[in-house]
Amino acid sequence: MAELTHLDASGKARMVDVGGKAETQRVAIAAGRIRMSAEALSAIRDGNVPKGDVLAAARIAGIMAAKKTAELIPLCHPLALDAVAVDFALEDGAVSCTASASLTGRTGVEMEAMTAVSIALLTIYDMAKAVDKGMVIEAVRLIEKRGGKSGTWRAEA
């Protein structure tokens, strides 16, 4: 079983010391989706949501959230991200979101990618809730991470 790195020898929470780790190129990709009614999906697709361009706002929100991850999640290191991308796909009854984050540094960017997806999906909910209050955010998860001591990891298909 893997060691819980955010606990010290006496079981107290701590921020992991990454000072001695080598800087490597690190990338993380996360995904999630929001299920919704056909009416809400149509309004988003056609640009008829009263609050404006839902996907444009959600993309900016996701990017901003990735940059603020350390302010939201205790014990996360503040990171100087090199790039964050947030993309959407309209599906049958849902909008899927994929986000990637990258940097050259001493710690990974998995939390930044998952935060970007989560906040982008929450923004879609906020902007379209007047059309459908029953939307469901689901399946937010890490798809892939590259770099660091553990190398590459990909979710099973």
N, C-alpha and C. Protein backbone atom coordinates (compact mmCIF):
# COMPACT_ATOMS: atom_id res chain seq x y z
N MET A 1 0.84 -1.18 0.00
CA MET A 1 0.00 0.00 0.00
C MET A 1 0.89 1.25 0.00
N ALA A 2 0.50 2.25 -0.76
CA ALA A 2 1.28 3.47 -0.88
C ALA A 2 1.26 4.27 0.42
N GLU A 3 2.35 4.95 0.67
CA GLU A 3 2.48 5.81 1.84
C GLU A 3 1.66 7.07 1.63
N LEU A 4 0.99 7.54 2.69
CA LEU A 4 0.25 8.79 2.61
C LEU A 4 1.24 9.93 2.86
N THR A 5 1.62 10.61 1.79
CA THR A 5 2.69 11.59 1.87
C THR A 5 2.31 12.88 2.59
N HIS A 6 1.02 13.13 2.76
CA HIS A 6 0.60 14.37 3.41
C HIS A 6 0.42 14.21 4.92
N LEU A 7 0.91 13.09 5.47
CA LEU A 7 0.88 12.88 6.91
C LEU A 7 2.30 12.72 7.42
N ASP A 8 2.60 13.35 8.58
CA ASP A 8 3.93 13.17 9.16
C ASP A 8 3.95 11.88 9.98
N ALA A 9 5.06 11.61 10.65
CA ALA A 9 5.24 10.36 11.39
C ALA A 9 4.21 10.17 12.49
N SER A 10 3.66 11.27 13.01
CA SER A 10 2.65 11.15 14.06
C SER A 10 1.23 11.27 13.53
N GLY A 11 1.06 11.27 12.21
CA GLY A 11 -0.27 11.28 11.62
C GLY A 11 -0.88 12.67 11.41
N LYS A 12 -0.10 13.72 11.60
CA LYS A 12 -0.60 15.08 11.41
C LYS A 12 -0.42 15.50 9.95
N ALA A 13 -1.37 16.29 9.48
CA ALA A 13 -1.31 16.79 8.10
C ALA A 13 -0.10 17.69 7.93
N ARG A 14 0.53 17.57 6.75
CA ARG A 14 1.67 18.42 6.44
C ARG A 14 1.73 18.64 4.93
N MET A 15 2.40 19.71 4.56
CA MET A 15 2.67 19.95 3.15
C MET A 15 3.94 19.20 2.80
N VAL A 16 3.92 18.44 1.73
CA VAL A 16 5.07 17.64 1.32
C VAL A 16 6.20 18.57 0.89
N ASP A 17 7.42 18.27 1.34
CA ASP A 17 8.60 19.02 0.94
C ASP A 17 9.07 18.49 -0.41
N VAL A 18 8.94 19.29 -1.45
CA VAL A 18 9.34 18.87 -2.79
C VAL A 18 10.67 19.51 -3.20
N GLY A 19 11.31 20.20 -2.27
CA GLY A 19 12.54 20.93 -2.57
C GLY A 19 13.65 20.08 -3.14
N GLY A 20 13.76 18.84 -2.76
CA GLY A 20 14.83 17.97 -3.24
C GLY A 20 14.50 17.20 -4.50
N LYS A 21 13.27 17.34 -4.99
CA LYS A 21 12.87 16.60 -6.18
C LYS A 21 13.39 17.27 -7.45
N ALA A 22 13.66 16.47 -8.45
CA ALA A 22 14.13 17.01 -9.73
C ALA A 22 12.97 17.68 -10.47
N GLU A 23 13.30 18.75 -11.19
CA GLU A 23 12.31 19.38 -12.04
C GLU A 23 12.17 18.56 -13.32
N THR A 24 10.93 18.21 -13.65
CA THR A 24 10.65 17.49 -14.89
C THR A 24 9.42 18.10 -15.53
N GLN A 25 9.25 17.82 -16.81
CA GLN A 25 8.04 18.23 -17.52
C GLN A 25 6.90 17.38 -16.98
N ARG A 26 5.82 18.01 -16.56
CA ARG A 26 4.68 17.30 -15.98
C ARG A 26 3.41 17.75 -16.68
N VAL A 27 2.56 16.78 -16.97
CA VAL A 27 1.30 17.03 -17.67
C VAL A 27 0.22 16.18 -17.00
N ALA A 28 -0.95 16.75 -16.85
CA ALA A 28 -2.10 15.98 -16.37
C ALA A 28 -3.31 16.32 -17.24
N ILE A 29 -4.12 15.30 -17.50
CA ILE A 29 -5.36 15.46 -18.26
C ILE A 29 -6.49 14.89 -17.43
N ALA A 30 -7.54 15.66 -17.28
CA ALA A 30 -8.71 15.24 -16.51
C ALA A 30 -9.95 15.41 -17.37
N ALA A 31 -11.03 14.74 -16.97
CA ALA A 31 -12.28 14.82 -17.72
C ALA A 31 -13.46 14.71 -16.77
N GLY A 32 -14.61 15.10 -17.27
CA GLY A 32 -15.87 14.98 -16.55
C GLY A 32 -16.99 15.36 -17.48
N ARG A 33 -18.21 15.28 -16.98
CA ARG A 33 -19.35 15.65 -17.83
C ARG A 33 -20.48 16.17 -16.97
N ILE A 34 -21.41 16.85 -17.63
CA ILE A 34 -22.62 17.32 -16.98
C ILE A 34 -23.80 16.87 -17.84
N ARG A 35 -24.66 16.04 -17.25
CA ARG A 35 -25.87 15.58 -17.95
C ARG A 35 -26.94 16.64 -17.80
N MET A 36 -27.77 16.78 -18.84
CA MET A 36 -28.81 17.80 -18.82
C MET A 36 -29.93 17.45 -19.78
N SER A 37 -30.98 18.22 -19.66
CA SER A 37 -32.13 18.03 -20.55
C SER A 37 -31.77 18.44 -21.98
N ALA A 38 -32.55 17.93 -22.91
CA ALA A 38 -32.37 18.30 -24.32
C ALA A 38 -32.55 19.80 -24.49
N GLU A 39 -33.48 20.39 -23.73
CA GLU A 39 -33.72 21.84 -23.81
C GLU A 39 -32.49 22.62 -23.40
N ALA A 40 -31.85 22.23 -22.30
CA ALA A 40 -30.66 22.94 -21.84
C ALA A 40 -29.50 22.76 -22.82
N LEU A 41 -29.33 21.55 -23.32
CA LEU A 41 -28.25 21.30 -24.27
C LEU A 41 -28.46 22.12 -25.55
N SER A 42 -29.68 22.19 -26.00
CA SER A 42 -30.00 22.98 -27.19
C SER A 42 -29.73 24.46 -26.95
N ALA A 43 -30.12 24.96 -25.78
CA ALA A 43 -29.90 26.38 -25.45
C ALA A 43 -28.40 26.70 -25.41
N ILE A 44 -27.61 25.79 -24.84
CA ILE A 44 -26.16 26.00 -24.81
C ILE A 44 -25.59 25.98 -26.22
N ARG A 45 -25.96 24.97 -26.99
CA ARG A 45 -25.46 24.82 -28.36
C ARG A 45 -25.84 26.02 -29.23
N ASP A 46 -27.07 26.51 -29.08
CA ASP A 46 -27.57 27.58 -29.94
C ASP A 46 -27.27 28.98 -29.41
N GLY A 47 -26.64 29.06 -28.23
CA GLY A 47 -26.32 30.37 -27.65
C GLY A 47 -27.52 31.10 -27.11
N ASN A 48 -28.55 30.36 -26.65
CA ASN A 48 -29.79 30.98 -26.16
C ASN A 48 -29.93 30.96 -24.65
N VAL A 49 -28.85 30.81 -23.93
CA VAL A 49 -28.92 30.85 -22.47
C VAL A 49 -28.90 32.32 -22.05
N PRO A 50 -29.85 32.74 -21.19
CA PRO A 50 -29.95 34.16 -20.84
C PRO A 50 -28.66 34.78 -20.30
N LYS A 51 -27.80 34.00 -19.65
CA LYS A 51 -26.58 34.57 -19.06
C LYS A 51 -25.45 34.75 -20.06
N GLY A 52 -25.60 34.25 -21.29
CA GLY A 52 -24.57 34.46 -22.30
C GLY A 52 -23.94 33.18 -22.80
N ASP A 53 -22.73 33.30 -23.33
CA ASP A 53 -22.00 32.18 -23.94
C ASP A 53 -21.48 31.27 -22.83
N VAL A 54 -22.21 30.19 -22.60
CA VAL A 54 -21.92 29.29 -21.49
C VAL A 54 -20.53 28.66 -21.60
N LEU A 55 -20.20 28.13 -22.75
CA LEU A 55 -18.94 27.41 -22.88
C LEU A 55 -17.74 28.35 -22.83
N ALA A 56 -17.87 29.55 -23.35
CA ALA A 56 -16.77 30.53 -23.25
C ALA A 56 -16.51 30.89 -21.79
N ALA A 57 -17.59 31.15 -21.06
CA ALA A 57 -17.43 31.49 -19.64
C ALA A 57 -16.87 30.31 -18.85
N ALA A 58 -17.32 29.10 -19.16
CA ALA A 58 -16.85 27.91 -18.46
C ALA A 58 -15.38 27.65 -18.75
N ARG A 59 -14.96 27.90 -19.97
CA ARG A 59 -13.54 27.71 -20.33
C ARG A 59 -12.66 28.66 -19.51
N ILE A 60 -13.03 29.92 -19.45
CA ILE A 60 -12.25 30.90 -18.68
C ILE A 60 -12.28 30.53 -17.19
N ALA A 61 -13.43 30.14 -16.68
CA ALA A 61 -13.53 29.75 -15.27
C ALA A 61 -12.63 28.57 -14.96
N GLY A 62 -12.59 27.58 -15.84
CA GLY A 62 -11.73 26.42 -15.63
C GLY A 62 -10.27 26.78 -15.61
N ILE A 63 -9.85 27.64 -16.53
CA ILE A 63 -8.45 28.07 -16.57
C ILE A 63 -8.11 28.85 -15.31
N MET A 64 -8.98 29.77 -14.92
CA MET A 64 -8.73 30.55 -13.70
C MET A 64 -8.67 29.64 -12.47
N ALA A 65 -9.53 28.65 -12.41
CA ALA A 65 -9.56 27.73 -11.27
C ALA A 65 -8.27 26.93 -11.17
N ALA A 66 -7.76 26.46 -12.30
CA ALA A 66 -6.50 25.71 -12.28
C ALA A 66 -5.40 26.56 -11.66
N LYS A 67 -5.38 27.84 -12.00
CA LYS A 67 -4.35 28.74 -11.48
C LYS A 67 -4.50 29.01 -9.99
N LYS A 68 -5.68 28.76 -9.44
CA LYS A 68 -5.95 29.04 -8.02
C LYS A 68 -6.10 27.77 -7.18
N THR A 69 -5.71 26.63 -7.70
CA THR A 69 -5.91 25.37 -7.01
C THR A 69 -5.33 25.37 -5.60
N ALA A 70 -4.14 25.90 -5.42
CA ALA A 70 -3.50 25.91 -4.10
C ALA A 70 -4.28 26.74 -3.09
N GLU A 71 -5.10 27.68 -3.55
CA GLU A 71 -5.93 28.48 -2.65
C GLU A 71 -7.19 27.73 -2.25
N LEU A 72 -7.55 26.71 -3.01
CA LEU A 72 -8.79 25.98 -2.79
C LEU A 72 -8.59 24.66 -2.04
N ILE A 73 -7.47 24.00 -2.28
CA ILE A 73 -7.24 22.67 -1.72
C ILE A 73 -6.07 22.74 -0.75
N PRO A 74 -6.33 22.46 0.52
CA PRO A 74 -5.26 22.53 1.51
C PRO A 74 -4.11 21.60 1.13
N LEU A 75 -2.91 22.04 1.41
CA LEU A 75 -1.67 21.29 1.23
C LEU A 75 -1.20 21.18 -0.22
N CYS A 76 -1.95 21.73 -1.18
CA CYS A 76 -1.47 21.78 -2.56
C CYS A 76 -0.42 22.89 -2.67
N HIS A 77 0.61 22.63 -3.45
CA HIS A 77 1.64 23.64 -3.67
C HIS A 77 1.15 24.66 -4.69
N PRO A 78 1.45 25.94 -4.48
CA PRO A 78 1.16 26.92 -5.54
C PRO A 78 2.12 26.67 -6.69
N LEU A 79 1.59 26.59 -7.89
CA LEU A 79 2.40 26.21 -9.05
C LEU A 79 2.38 27.29 -10.12
N ALA A 80 3.51 27.46 -10.78
CA ALA A 80 3.61 28.36 -11.93
C ALA A 80 3.33 27.52 -13.17
N LEU A 81 2.08 27.46 -13.55
CA LEU A 81 1.67 26.62 -14.68
C LEU A 81 2.19 27.19 -16.00
N ASP A 82 2.64 26.31 -16.88
CA ASP A 82 3.04 26.73 -18.21
C ASP A 82 1.85 26.85 -19.14
N ALA A 83 0.87 25.95 -18.99
CA ALA A 83 -0.30 25.96 -19.87
C ALA A 83 -1.47 25.26 -19.21
N VAL A 84 -2.65 25.74 -19.52
CA VAL A 84 -3.91 25.10 -19.12
C VAL A 84 -4.84 25.21 -20.33
N ALA A 85 -5.48 24.10 -20.69
CA ALA A 85 -6.46 24.11 -21.77
C ALA A 85 -7.72 23.43 -21.28
N VAL A 86 -8.87 23.99 -21.65
CA VAL A 86 -10.17 23.44 -21.28
C VAL A 86 -10.99 23.33 -22.55
N ASP A 87 -11.48 22.13 -22.84
CA ASP A 87 -12.25 21.89 -24.06
C ASP A 87 -13.56 21.18 -23.73
N PHE A 88 -14.53 21.37 -24.60
CA PHE A 88 -15.86 20.80 -24.40
C PHE A 88 -16.30 20.04 -25.65
N ALA A 89 -17.16 19.06 -25.43
CA ALA A 89 -17.81 18.35 -26.53
C ALA A 89 -19.27 18.18 -26.17
N LEU A 90 -20.14 18.48 -27.11
CA LEU A 90 -21.57 18.27 -26.90
C LEU A 90 -21.88 16.82 -27.23
N GLU A 91 -22.52 16.14 -26.30
CA GLU A 91 -22.88 14.74 -26.46
C GLU A 91 -24.40 14.63 -26.45
N ASP A 92 -24.89 13.44 -26.55
CA ASP A 92 -26.32 13.20 -26.44
C ASP A 92 -26.71 13.35 -24.97
N GLY A 93 -27.35 14.45 -24.63
CA GLY A 93 -27.81 14.67 -23.26
C GLY A 93 -26.75 15.14 -22.29
N ALA A 94 -25.61 15.61 -22.78
CA ALA A 94 -24.54 16.03 -21.86
C ALA A 94 -23.54 16.92 -22.57
N VAL A 95 -22.74 17.61 -21.76
CA VAL A 95 -21.55 18.31 -22.23
C VAL A 95 -20.38 17.67 -21.51
N SER A 96 -19.40 17.20 -22.25
CA SER A 96 -18.20 16.65 -21.62
C SER A 96 -17.13 17.72 -21.61
N CYS A 97 -16.25 17.64 -20.63
CA CYS A 97 -15.18 18.60 -20.47
C CYS A 97 -13.87 17.84 -20.29
N THR A 98 -12.83 18.31 -20.96
CA THR A 98 -11.49 17.78 -20.79
C THR A 98 -10.57 18.96 -20.52
N ALA A 99 -9.70 18.81 -19.53
CA ALA A 99 -8.75 19.87 -19.21
C ALA A 99 -7.36 19.27 -19.10
N SER A 100 -6.38 20.04 -19.55
CA SER A 100 -4.99 19.64 -19.38
C SER A 100 -4.24 20.78 -18.71
N ALA A 101 -3.26 20.40 -17.89
CA ALA A 101 -2.39 21.38 -17.23
C ALA A 101 -0.97 20.87 -17.36
N SER A 102 -0.03 21.80 -17.52
CA SER A 102 1.36 21.39 -17.65
C SER A 102 2.30 22.42 -17.06
N LEU A 103 3.49 21.94 -16.70
CA LEU A 103 4.56 22.79 -16.20
C LEU A 103 5.85 22.00 -16.18
N THR A 104 6.94 22.69 -15.96
CA THR A 104 8.20 22.05 -15.62
C THR A 104 8.42 22.38 -14.16
N GLY A 105 8.41 21.34 -13.32
CA GLY A 105 8.51 21.59 -11.89
C GLY A 105 8.76 20.35 -11.09
N ARG A 106 8.59 20.49 -9.77
CA ARG A 106 8.91 19.43 -8.82
C ARG A 106 7.69 18.65 -8.33
N THR A 107 6.52 19.05 -8.73
CA THR A 107 5.31 18.34 -8.31
C THR A 107 4.30 18.35 -9.44
N GLY A 108 3.40 17.39 -9.41
CA GLY A 108 2.46 17.18 -10.50
C GLY A 108 1.33 18.19 -10.55
N VAL A 109 0.57 18.11 -11.63
CA VAL A 109 -0.51 19.06 -11.89
C VAL A 109 -1.87 18.37 -11.99
N GLU A 110 -1.99 17.18 -11.37
CA GLU A 110 -3.25 16.45 -11.42
C GLU A 110 -4.39 17.25 -10.79
N MET A 111 -4.14 17.85 -9.64
CA MET A 111 -5.20 18.59 -8.95
C MET A 111 -5.62 19.81 -9.76
N GLU A 112 -4.68 20.43 -10.45
CA GLU A 112 -5.01 21.59 -11.27
C GLU A 112 -5.92 21.21 -12.43
N ALA A 113 -5.63 20.08 -13.08
CA ALA A 113 -6.47 19.62 -14.19
C ALA A 113 -7.86 19.25 -13.70
N MET A 114 -7.95 18.54 -12.56
CA MET A 114 -9.26 18.15 -12.05
C MET A 114 -10.04 19.35 -11.52
N THR A 115 -9.35 20.33 -10.95
CA THR A 115 -10.02 21.55 -10.50
C THR A 115 -10.58 22.31 -11.70
N ALA A 116 -9.81 22.38 -12.78
CA ALA A 116 -10.28 23.06 -13.99
C ALA A 116 -11.58 22.42 -14.50
N VAL A 117 -11.61 21.09 -14.57
CA VAL A 117 -12.82 20.40 -15.03
C VAL A 117 -13.99 20.67 -14.09
N SER A 118 -13.75 20.54 -12.81
CA SER A 118 -14.83 20.71 -11.82
C SER A 118 -15.45 22.09 -11.90
N ILE A 119 -14.62 23.12 -11.93
CA ILE A 119 -15.15 24.49 -11.95
C ILE A 119 -15.76 24.83 -13.30
N ALA A 120 -15.22 24.30 -14.38
CA ALA A 120 -15.85 24.52 -15.69
C ALA A 120 -17.26 23.93 -15.70
N LEU A 121 -17.40 22.72 -15.16
CA LEU A 121 -18.73 22.09 -15.13
C LEU A 121 -19.67 22.82 -14.18
N LEU A 122 -19.17 23.27 -13.05
CA LEU A 122 -20.00 24.06 -12.14
C LEU A 122 -20.46 25.37 -12.79
N THR A 123 -19.60 25.95 -13.61
CA THR A 123 -19.97 27.18 -14.31
C THR A 123 -21.08 26.92 -15.32
N ILE A 124 -20.98 25.80 -16.02
CA ILE A 124 -22.07 25.42 -16.94
C ILE A 124 -23.38 25.31 -16.15
N TYR A 125 -23.32 24.63 -15.01
CA TYR A 125 -24.53 24.49 -14.19
C TYR A 125 -25.06 25.86 -13.81
N ASP A 126 -24.20 26.73 -13.30
CA ASP A 126 -24.64 28.06 -12.85
C ASP A 126 -25.28 28.85 -13.98
N MET A 127 -24.68 28.80 -15.14
CA MET A 127 -25.19 29.61 -16.25
C MET A 127 -26.47 29.05 -16.86
N ALA A 128 -26.66 27.73 -16.79
CA ALA A 128 -27.82 27.11 -17.45
C ALA A 128 -28.89 26.64 -16.48
N LYS A 129 -28.73 26.90 -15.20
CA LYS A 129 -29.70 26.39 -14.22
C LYS A 129 -31.09 26.98 -14.39
N ALA A 130 -31.20 28.12 -15.02
CA ALA A 130 -32.53 28.69 -15.28
C ALA A 130 -33.30 27.81 -16.26
N VAL A 131 -32.59 27.07 -17.09
CA VAL A 131 -33.22 26.18 -18.07
C VAL A 131 -33.42 24.79 -17.50
N ASP A 132 -32.46 24.31 -16.67
CA ASP A 132 -32.53 22.95 -16.14
C ASP A 132 -31.83 22.88 -14.78
N LYS A 133 -32.61 22.84 -13.71
CA LYS A 133 -32.03 22.74 -12.37
C LYS A 133 -31.61 21.32 -12.01
N GLY A 134 -31.99 20.35 -12.83
CA GLY A 134 -31.69 18.95 -12.54
C GLY A 134 -30.43 18.42 -13.20
N MET A 135 -29.58 19.31 -13.70
CA MET A 135 -28.33 18.85 -14.32
C MET A 135 -27.49 18.08 -13.29
N VAL A 136 -26.71 17.11 -13.77
CA VAL A 136 -25.90 16.27 -12.89
C VAL A 136 -24.45 16.29 -13.37
N ILE A 137 -23.56 16.71 -12.49
CA ILE A 137 -22.12 16.66 -12.77
C ILE A 137 -21.63 15.29 -12.34
N GLU A 138 -20.85 14.64 -13.21
CA GLU A 138 -20.42 13.28 -12.89
C GLU A 138 -19.07 12.95 -13.52
N ALA A 139 -18.49 11.91 -13.00
CA ALA A 139 -17.30 11.26 -13.59
C ALA A 139 -16.10 12.19 -13.72
N VAL A 140 -15.92 13.10 -12.78
CA VAL A 140 -14.70 13.92 -12.79
C VAL A 140 -13.56 13.02 -12.35
N ARG A 141 -12.54 12.92 -13.20
CA ARG A 141 -11.47 11.97 -12.92
C ARG A 141 -10.21 12.32 -13.69
N LEU A 142 -9.11 11.77 -13.21
CA LEU A 142 -7.84 11.90 -13.89
C LEU A 142 -7.81 10.88 -15.02
N ILE A 143 -7.42 11.32 -16.21
CA ILE A 143 -7.33 10.46 -17.38
C ILE A 143 -5.87 10.03 -17.61
N GLU A 144 -4.96 10.98 -17.40
CA GLU A 144 -3.55 10.69 -17.65
C GLU A 144 -2.68 11.68 -16.90
N LYS A 145 -1.50 11.20 -16.46
CA LYS A 145 -0.47 12.08 -15.92
C LYS A 145 0.86 11.59 -16.44
N ARG A 146 1.73 12.57 -16.72
CA ARG A 146 3.07 12.25 -17.21
C ARG A 146 4.09 13.08 -16.44
N GLY A 147 5.26 12.48 -16.21
CA GLY A 147 6.35 13.18 -15.57
C GLY A 147 6.54 12.78 -14.12
N GLY A 148 7.66 13.22 -13.57
CA GLY A 148 7.96 12.91 -12.19
C GLY A 148 8.50 11.51 -12.01
N LYS A 149 8.75 11.17 -10.76
CA LYS A 149 9.36 9.88 -10.42
C LYS A 149 8.48 8.70 -10.86
N SER A 150 7.17 8.85 -10.78
CA SER A 150 6.28 7.73 -11.11
C SER A 150 6.02 7.60 -12.61
N GLY A 151 6.51 8.54 -13.41
CA GLY A 151 6.39 8.41 -14.87
C GLY A 151 4.98 8.66 -15.39
N THR A 152 4.56 7.83 -16.32
CA THR A 152 3.27 7.98 -16.98
C THR A 152 2.24 7.05 -16.38
N TRP A 153 1.04 7.57 -16.19
CA TRP A 153 -0.11 6.78 -15.73
C TRP A 153 -1.30 7.15 -16.60
N ARG A 154 -2.05 6.14 -17.01
CA ARG A 154 -3.28 6.38 -17.80
C ARG A 154 -4.41 5.57 -17.17
N ALA A 155 -5.60 6.17 -17.15
CA ALA A 155 -6.78 5.46 -16.67
C ALA A 155 -7.09 4.32 -17.63
N GLU A 156 -7.59 3.24 -17.07
CA GLU A 156 -8.01 2.13 -17.92
C GLU A 156 -9.25 2.53 -18.69
N ALA A 157 -9.34 2.11 -19.91
CA ALA A 157 -10.47 2.49 -20.77
C ALA A 157 -11.76 1.86 -20.33
